[in-house]
Protein backbone atom coordinates (compact mmCIF):
# COMPACT_ATOMS: atom_id res chain seq x y z
CA MET A 1 -22.69 -94.02 115.75
CA PRO A 2 -24.25 -95.34 118.96
CA GLY A 3 -27.27 -93.38 120.03
CA LEU A 4 -27.84 -91.87 116.65
CA LYS A 5 -30.24 -93.24 114.06
CA SER A 6 -30.26 -92.62 110.31
CA VAL A 7 -33.59 -91.40 109.02
CA SER A 8 -34.57 -91.67 105.36
CA TRP A 9 -37.24 -89.41 103.87
CA PRO A 10 -39.30 -90.78 101.08
CA ALA A 11 -38.60 -89.20 97.74
CA SER A 12 -42.11 -88.23 96.97
CA ALA A 13 -43.38 -85.33 94.84
CA SER A 14 -44.55 -83.60 97.96
CA SER A 15 -41.23 -83.95 99.65
CA THR A 16 -39.42 -82.67 96.48
CA GLY A 17 -41.61 -79.61 96.55
CA PHE A 18 -40.94 -79.15 100.25
CA TYR A 19 -37.15 -79.28 99.61
CA SER A 20 -37.45 -76.75 96.66
CA ALA A 21 -39.42 -74.38 98.87
CA ALA A 22 -36.99 -74.74 101.68
CA VAL A 23 -33.97 -74.11 99.39
CA LEU A 24 -35.62 -71.00 97.95
CA CYS A 25 -36.44 -69.71 101.46
CA LEU A 26 -32.87 -70.31 102.53
CA LEU A 27 -31.53 -68.54 99.39
CA ALA A 28 -33.84 -65.60 100.02
CA ILE A 29 -32.69 -65.28 103.60
CA ALA A 30 -29.07 -65.50 102.46
CA CYS A 31 -29.66 -62.83 99.84
CA ARG A 32 -31.29 -60.59 102.41
CA SER A 33 -28.36 -61.20 104.81
CA GLN A 34 -25.84 -60.45 102.03
CA HIS A 35 -27.74 -57.34 101.05
CA ALA A 36 -27.73 -56.19 104.71
CA ARG A 37 -23.95 -56.72 104.87
CA ALA A 38 -23.50 -54.80 101.66
CA ALA A 39 -24.71 -51.58 103.23
CA PRO A 40 -21.58 -50.33 105.10
CA SER A 41 -21.37 -47.45 107.48
CA ILE A 42 -18.68 -45.24 109.07
CA GLU A 43 -18.47 -43.58 112.43
CA PHE A 44 -15.89 -41.37 114.12
CA THR A 45 -14.43 -42.40 117.52
CA ARG A 46 -11.99 -39.47 117.89
CA LEU A 47 -12.27 -36.01 116.35
CA PRO A 48 -9.94 -33.01 116.48
CA PRO A 49 -11.59 -29.74 117.83
CA ALA A 50 -12.91 -27.27 115.25
CA ALA A 51 -10.01 -24.94 114.41
CA GLN A 52 -8.87 -22.50 111.75
CA GLY A 53 -7.25 -24.31 108.85
CA SER A 54 -3.50 -24.47 108.99
CA PRO A 55 -0.94 -26.30 106.80
CA ASP A 56 1.43 -26.35 109.73
CA LEU A 57 -0.63 -28.31 112.17
CA THR A 58 -2.12 -31.79 112.31
CA ASP A 59 -4.14 -33.79 114.82
CA THR A 60 -5.35 -37.37 115.18
CA ILE A 61 -8.62 -38.55 113.74
CA GLU A 62 -10.00 -42.03 114.25
CA GLY A 63 -13.03 -44.21 113.54
CA ARG A 64 -14.41 -47.51 112.54
CA VAL A 65 -16.30 -48.93 109.61
CA THR A 66 -18.96 -51.61 109.41
CA GLY A 67 -19.45 -53.83 106.44
CA ALA A 68 -16.34 -52.85 104.44
CA LEU A 69 -15.19 -55.26 101.75
CA PRO A 70 -11.51 -56.20 100.95
CA GLY A 71 -9.69 -53.49 99.00
CA GLN A 72 -11.93 -50.63 100.23
CA ARG A 73 -10.33 -47.61 101.92
CA ILE A 74 -11.09 -44.42 103.77
CA VAL A 75 -10.66 -40.93 102.22
CA LEU A 76 -10.63 -38.07 104.73
CA TYR A 77 -11.49 -34.39 104.15
CA ALA A 78 -11.25 -31.36 106.34
CA ARG A 79 -13.16 -28.17 105.51
CA SER A 80 -11.45 -24.86 105.63
CA GLY A 81 -13.03 -22.62 102.94
CA VAL A 82 -13.27 -25.73 100.75
CA TRP A 83 -12.90 -29.44 101.56
CA TRP A 84 -9.30 -30.56 101.50
CA VAL A 85 -8.19 -34.19 101.21
CA GLN A 86 -6.28 -35.36 104.23
CA PRO A 87 -3.65 -35.70 105.46
CA PHE A 88 -1.72 -34.72 102.26
CA ALA A 89 -2.41 -34.62 98.52
CA ASN A 90 0.14 -37.39 97.95
CA ARG A 91 -1.29 -39.52 100.78
CA PRO A 92 -5.04 -39.34 100.28
CA PHE A 93 -6.00 -42.87 101.61
CA THR A 94 -6.42 -44.25 105.02
CA ALA A 95 -6.20 -48.04 105.51
CA ILE A 96 -8.84 -50.03 107.30
CA GLN A 97 -7.36 -52.33 109.90
CA PRO A 98 -8.37 -56.05 110.37
CA ASP A 99 -10.49 -54.97 113.38
CA SER A 100 -12.45 -52.51 111.14
CA LYS A 101 -10.81 -49.49 112.80
CA TRP A 102 -8.98 -46.70 111.01
CA LYS A 103 -6.68 -43.96 112.18
CA ASN A 104 -4.77 -41.08 110.54
CA SER A 105 -3.83 -37.40 110.97
CA THR A 106 -5.70 -34.39 109.61
CA HIS A 107 -5.12 -30.66 109.31
CA PRO A 108 -7.57 -28.62 111.34
CA GLY A 109 -10.93 -27.51 109.94
CA ASN A 110 -14.39 -26.41 110.88
CA ALA A 111 -15.78 -29.80 109.72
CA TYR A 112 -14.48 -33.30 108.88
CA ALA A 113 -15.61 -36.05 106.56
CA ALA A 114 -14.73 -39.78 106.03
CA LEU A 115 -15.63 -41.60 102.85
CA LEU A 116 -15.53 -45.39 102.36
CA VAL A 117 -14.41 -45.87 98.80
CA ASP A 118 -13.60 -48.72 96.41
CA ALA A 119 -9.99 -49.35 95.35
CA GLY A 120 -10.35 -47.57 92.09
CA TYR A 121 -11.57 -44.32 93.48
CA ASN A 122 -9.41 -41.25 92.70
CA PRO A 123 -10.15 -38.53 95.29
CA PRO A 124 -9.85 -34.84 94.19
CA LEU A 125 -7.51 -32.58 96.13
CA THR A 126 -10.28 -30.09 96.90
CA VAL A 127 -14.04 -29.93 96.46
CA ASN A 128 -16.63 -27.33 97.22
CA VAL A 129 -19.27 -30.02 97.91
CA LEU A 130 -18.53 -33.53 99.21
CA PRO A 131 -19.14 -36.49 96.78
CA GLN A 132 -22.44 -38.20 97.12
CA LYS A 133 -22.86 -41.87 98.11
CA GLY A 134 -22.98 -44.09 94.99
CA GLY A 135 -20.60 -45.56 92.44
CA ARG A 136 -17.25 -45.98 93.99
CA VAL A 137 -18.26 -44.06 97.17
CA GLN A 138 -19.90 -46.62 99.47
CA ALA A 139 -20.60 -44.63 102.70
CA ILE A 140 -20.03 -41.09 104.03
CA ALA A 141 -19.80 -39.69 107.56
CA THR A 142 -19.45 -35.95 108.43
CA ALA A 143 -18.94 -34.09 111.72
CA GLU A 144 -19.27 -30.40 112.39
CA GLY A 145 -20.81 -28.01 114.84
CA PRO A 146 -20.97 -28.60 118.55
CA VAL A 147 -19.72 -32.14 118.24
CA LEU A 148 -16.25 -30.78 117.46
CA ALA A 149 -16.05 -28.93 120.82
CA PRO A 150 -13.97 -25.90 119.66
CA LEU A 151 -11.48 -24.32 121.96
CA PRO A 152 -12.81 -21.18 123.70
CA SER A 153 -11.51 -18.28 121.58
CA ALA A 154 -9.15 -15.71 122.94
CA ARG A 155 -9.35 -12.30 121.24
CA LEU A 156 -7.95 -8.73 121.48
CA THR A 157 -8.59 -5.46 119.75
CA PHE A 158 -5.66 -3.71 118.04
CA GLY A 159 -5.66 -0.96 115.41
CA GLY A 160 -9.48 -0.84 115.50
CA TYR A 161 -9.83 -4.51 114.55
CA GLU A 162 -10.51 -7.75 116.32
CA TRP A 163 -7.73 -10.33 116.32
CA LEU A 164 -7.83 -14.01 117.28
CA ILE A 165 -5.06 -15.25 119.59
CA ARG A 166 -3.59 -18.60 118.73
CA GLN A 167 -3.71 -21.19 121.48
CA ILE A 168 -2.92 -24.45 119.72
CA PRO A 169 0.45 -25.68 118.50
CA GLY A 170 1.73 -24.92 115.01
CA ILE A 171 4.66 -25.63 112.80
CA PRO A 172 5.69 -22.30 111.19
CA ALA A 173 8.65 -22.61 108.83
CA GLY A 174 8.80 -26.31 109.75
CA SER A 175 9.39 -25.71 113.43
CA ARG A 176 6.95 -27.04 115.95
CA ASN A 177 5.89 -24.25 118.35
CA LEU A 178 3.58 -24.14 121.32
CA TYR A 179 1.42 -21.01 121.58
CA ASP A 180 0.06 -19.34 124.77
CA ALA A 181 -2.67 -16.69 124.71
CA ALA A 182 -0.85 -14.96 127.53
CA ASN A 183 1.95 -14.10 125.08
CA ALA A 184 -0.13 -11.57 123.13
CA TRP A 185 -1.73 -8.44 124.68
CA VAL A 186 -2.40 -4.77 124.08
CA ASP A 187 -1.04 -2.19 126.51
CA LYS A 188 -2.56 1.09 127.80
CA SER A 189 -1.04 2.98 124.83
CA GLY A 190 -2.81 0.62 122.36
CA PHE A 191 0.45 -1.11 121.36
CA LEU A 192 0.37 -4.79 120.56
CA HIS A 193 2.93 -6.91 122.35
CA LEU A 194 4.01 -10.41 121.22
CA ARG A 195 6.50 -12.47 123.17
CA ILE A 196 8.35 -15.77 123.24
CA ALA A 197 8.33 -16.89 126.88
CA LYS A 198 10.29 -19.50 128.74
CA THR A 199 8.30 -22.56 129.97
CA PRO A 200 9.29 -25.61 132.14
CA THR A 201 9.73 -27.64 128.87
CA GLY A 202 10.99 -25.06 126.45
CA TRP A 203 9.37 -21.98 124.87
CA SER A 204 5.91 -20.77 124.03
CA SER A 205 5.25 -18.39 121.13
CA ALA A 206 2.73 -15.79 120.09
CA GLU A 207 0.42 -15.32 117.12
CA VAL A 208 -2.62 -13.22 116.37
CA ASP A 209 -4.84 -13.42 113.20
CA LEU A 210 -7.16 -10.71 111.93
CA SER A 211 -10.70 -12.09 112.45
CA ARG A 212 -11.91 -11.17 108.92
CA SER A 213 -10.66 -10.71 105.42
CA LEU A 214 -9.92 -7.16 104.22
CA GLY A 215 -8.91 -7.89 100.58
CA TYR A 216 -6.98 -5.58 98.28
CA GLY A 217 -5.61 -2.37 99.74
CA SER A 218 -2.72 -0.82 101.64
CA TYR A 219 -1.47 -2.47 104.84
CA ARG A 220 0.95 -0.62 107.22
CA PHE A 221 2.59 -1.81 110.46
CA VAL A 222 4.78 0.40 112.71
CA VAL A 223 7.19 -1.99 114.52
CA ARG A 224 9.72 -1.22 117.26
CA ASP A 225 13.33 -2.40 116.92
CA VAL A 226 13.56 -5.94 115.67
CA ALA A 227 17.21 -5.90 114.71
CA HIS A 228 17.97 -7.52 118.05
CA LEU A 229 16.23 -10.84 117.29
CA GLU A 230 18.41 -13.85 117.84
CA PRO A 231 19.08 -16.10 114.81
CA ALA A 232 16.68 -18.63 116.27
CA ALA A 233 13.75 -16.23 116.36
CA ALA A 234 11.38 -15.06 113.67
CA PHE A 235 8.74 -12.42 113.37
CA THR A 236 6.47 -12.50 110.36
CA ILE A 237 3.68 -10.34 108.94
CA SER A 238 1.65 -12.33 106.52
CA SER A 239 -1.47 -12.25 104.44
CA TRP A 240 -2.32 -15.94 104.67
CA ASP A 241 -5.10 -17.77 102.90
CA ASP A 242 -6.00 -21.43 103.38
CA SER A 243 -8.33 -21.63 100.35
CA GLY A 244 -5.52 -22.93 98.11
CA PRO A 245 -1.81 -23.62 97.99
CA TYR A 246 0.71 -20.71 97.91
CA ARG A 247 -1.82 -18.01 98.63
CA GLU A 248 0.49 -16.05 100.98
CA ILE A 249 2.59 -12.90 100.97
CA ASP A 250 5.03 -12.13 103.77
CA ILE A 251 7.27 -9.64 105.43
CA GLU A 252 9.71 -11.84 107.50
CA ILE A 253 12.17 -10.64 110.06
CA SER A 254 14.67 -13.42 110.83
CA ARG A 255 18.23 -14.70 110.07
CA TRP A 256 16.82 -18.22 109.85
CA GLY A 257 19.63 -19.65 111.97
CA GLU A 258 22.44 -17.68 110.39
CA ALA A 259 24.67 -15.76 112.85
CA ASN A 260 25.30 -12.91 110.38
CA GLY A 261 23.88 -11.41 107.23
CA LYS A 262 20.63 -9.82 106.06
CA ASN A 263 17.79 -10.31 108.64
CA ALA A 264 14.65 -9.56 106.68
CA GLN A 265 12.85 -10.40 103.39
CA TYR A 266 9.74 -9.86 101.34
CA VAL A 267 8.14 -13.07 100.02
CA VAL A 268 5.40 -14.12 97.63
CA GLN A 269 5.08 -17.89 98.28
CA PRO A 270 6.39 -20.30 97.43
CA TYR A 271 9.67 -19.04 98.83
CA TYR A 272 11.86 -21.59 97.00
CA ILE A 273 11.50 -19.73 93.71
CA PRO A 274 14.34 -17.20 93.79
CA ALA A 275 12.34 -14.47 92.08
CA ASN A 276 9.73 -14.68 94.86
CA VAL A 277 12.11 -13.43 97.59
CA LEU A 278 13.95 -10.19 98.20
CA ARG A 279 16.37 -10.21 101.18
CA PHE A 280 17.39 -6.93 102.98
CA ALA A 281 18.91 -5.65 106.23
CA ALA A 282 16.36 -4.36 108.74
CA PRO A 283 18.28 -1.76 110.86
CA ALA A 284 17.78 -0.92 114.51
CA GLY A 285 15.10 1.49 115.55
CA VAL A 286 11.38 1.91 114.77
CA LEU A 287 10.47 0.78 111.27
CA THR A 288 7.29 1.02 109.22
CA HIS A 289 6.65 -2.04 107.00
CA SER A 290 3.94 -1.86 104.41
CA PHE A 291 2.56 -3.61 101.38
CA ASP A 292 0.12 -2.34 98.76
CA TRP A 293 -1.93 -5.28 97.39
CA GLU A 294 -3.70 -4.98 94.05
CA PRO A 295 -4.72 -7.28 91.19
CA GLY A 296 -1.62 -9.05 89.96
CA ARG A 297 0.74 -6.78 91.90
CA VAL A 298 2.11 -6.28 95.43
CA THR A 299 4.43 -3.45 96.44
CA PHE A 300 6.52 -3.86 99.63
CA ARG A 301 8.21 -0.94 101.42
CA THR A 302 10.20 -0.49 104.63
CA VAL A 303 11.12 3.02 105.91
CA ARG A 304 12.68 4.35 109.04
CA GLY A 305 10.48 5.80 111.73
CA PRO A 306 6.63 5.75 112.21
CA ALA A 307 5.88 7.86 109.17
CA SER A 308 5.57 6.49 105.63
CA GLY A 309 5.30 9.72 103.53
CA PRO A 310 7.49 10.75 100.64
CA ALA A 311 10.12 12.23 103.00
CA ALA A 312 10.59 8.92 104.83
CA GLU A 313 14.03 7.28 104.59
CA VAL A 314 13.52 4.10 102.60
CA VAL A 315 15.21 0.97 103.88
CA ALA A 316 13.97 -1.43 101.23
CA ASP A 317 11.20 -1.70 98.62
CA HIS A 318 10.22 -4.17 95.87
CA VAL A 319 7.37 -4.94 93.52
CA PHE A 320 6.21 -8.47 92.73
CA THR A 321 3.97 -9.08 89.66
CA SER A 322 4.24 -12.85 89.44
CA GLY A 323 2.29 -15.36 91.60
CA VAL A 324 0.43 -12.63 93.48
CA PRO A 325 -2.71 -14.16 94.94
CA SER A 326 -6.19 -12.60 94.77
CA PRO A 327 -8.41 -12.09 97.87
CA ASN A 328 -10.55 -14.90 99.12
CA THR A 329 -10.47 -15.99 102.72
CA GLU A 330 -7.11 -14.48 103.68
CA ALA A 331 -6.35 -12.94 107.03
CA ILE A 332 -3.47 -10.86 108.30
CA ARG A 333 -1.29 -12.99 110.67
CA LEU A 334 1.40 -11.65 113.07
CA ASN A 335 3.60 -14.47 114.29
CA LEU A 336 6.57 -14.44 116.62
CA PHE A 337 8.03 -17.91 116.94
CA VAL A 338 11.15 -20.09 117.54
CA PHE A 339 12.89 -21.29 114.39
CA ALA A 340 14.35 -24.71 115.09
CA ASP A 341 17.88 -25.04 113.74
CA LYS A 342 20.64 -27.46 114.84
CA ARG A 343 23.25 -24.71 114.55
CA VAL A 344 21.65 -22.33 116.97
CA HIS A 345 19.23 -22.40 119.82
CA LEU A 346 17.17 -19.61 121.43
CA GLN A 347 18.98 -18.28 124.48
CA HIS A 348 16.60 -15.58 125.87
CA GLY A 349 12.94 -14.60 125.72
CA VAL A 350 11.88 -12.25 122.97
CA GLU A 351 9.33 -9.48 122.73
CA VAL A 352 8.17 -7.52 119.68
CA VAL A 353 5.98 -4.44 119.90
CA ILE A 354 3.73 -3.35 117.04
CA GLU A 355 2.73 0.23 117.60
CA LYS A 356 0.19 0.70 114.90
CA PHE A 357 -1.72 -1.18 112.20
CA VAL A 358 -3.48 0.80 109.43
CA TYR A 359 -5.48 -0.50 106.52
CA LEU A 360 -6.64 1.62 103.63
CA PRO A 361 -8.91 0.06 101.01
């Protein structure tokens, strides 16, 4: 081509040595570059706040990865007692997009982790300690503590115990509910009030959780009239534990969308096993609901009035000996919420008053 000249180098021994050295040098540089690219990393670009674990709530988590190879994926974990794979046991992988970003949902926890793994990696459902880097795990990123910016906690004292007031959305019984700390309070008589309140966009619900685990023992709740609850409202008293699936026992007051019929039940989860549920009719007036929890056994009882002695009129009672969980990280949860059902819709605000909570070890 005009302006360009062809230059020939003499094929001497010295020039051959030069070429060999140059090639070796280039290969070494390439190897070093390839080695640098083979050390991937992960970072978070969006994290949910630190929150109490809940199977009913998810939030968005995002990040990016550097140096990932084709076929590699992200495995997410959230810590609540133990590390739980996210978002679900049957969906443990998060895809890496062509721009190296990744995005998925996660249940809340007090810490989050992202693992870059090879295609053949089989993530466990739960772990006490995260896997170490090596083998099929190529990179790990974790986030906890102040970086998660937890919501300011709202608390109240009832029955001599501290309770945490829920302020974030939840999905109890499969129904998405918004929660407002203003919907839970204790009056001058020491009674706990929970309400469902009208908002410009719908309804806000109420939930309080005992701030610590009490374990085996006798739990008693004196509750004012709940027979008036609409079919689209539910009030539940639960011992709920997020350290494993189906570690929950419940007293539930609701018609679950039915206009008529029994309005209460005792449950040892999972509820879809018929032997785990006893339905009954909760009458009008003050009732005392209780459960005695011991190894392999839970005894439920509901009586009329605020007393629970031998002379009390029994409304319902039942003993479960199958599937009863043992104590771990459970907490008592009192939840008043809207049950979403196409057949019925909540028409009015709801208030439930719990006059007393007593625990005896």
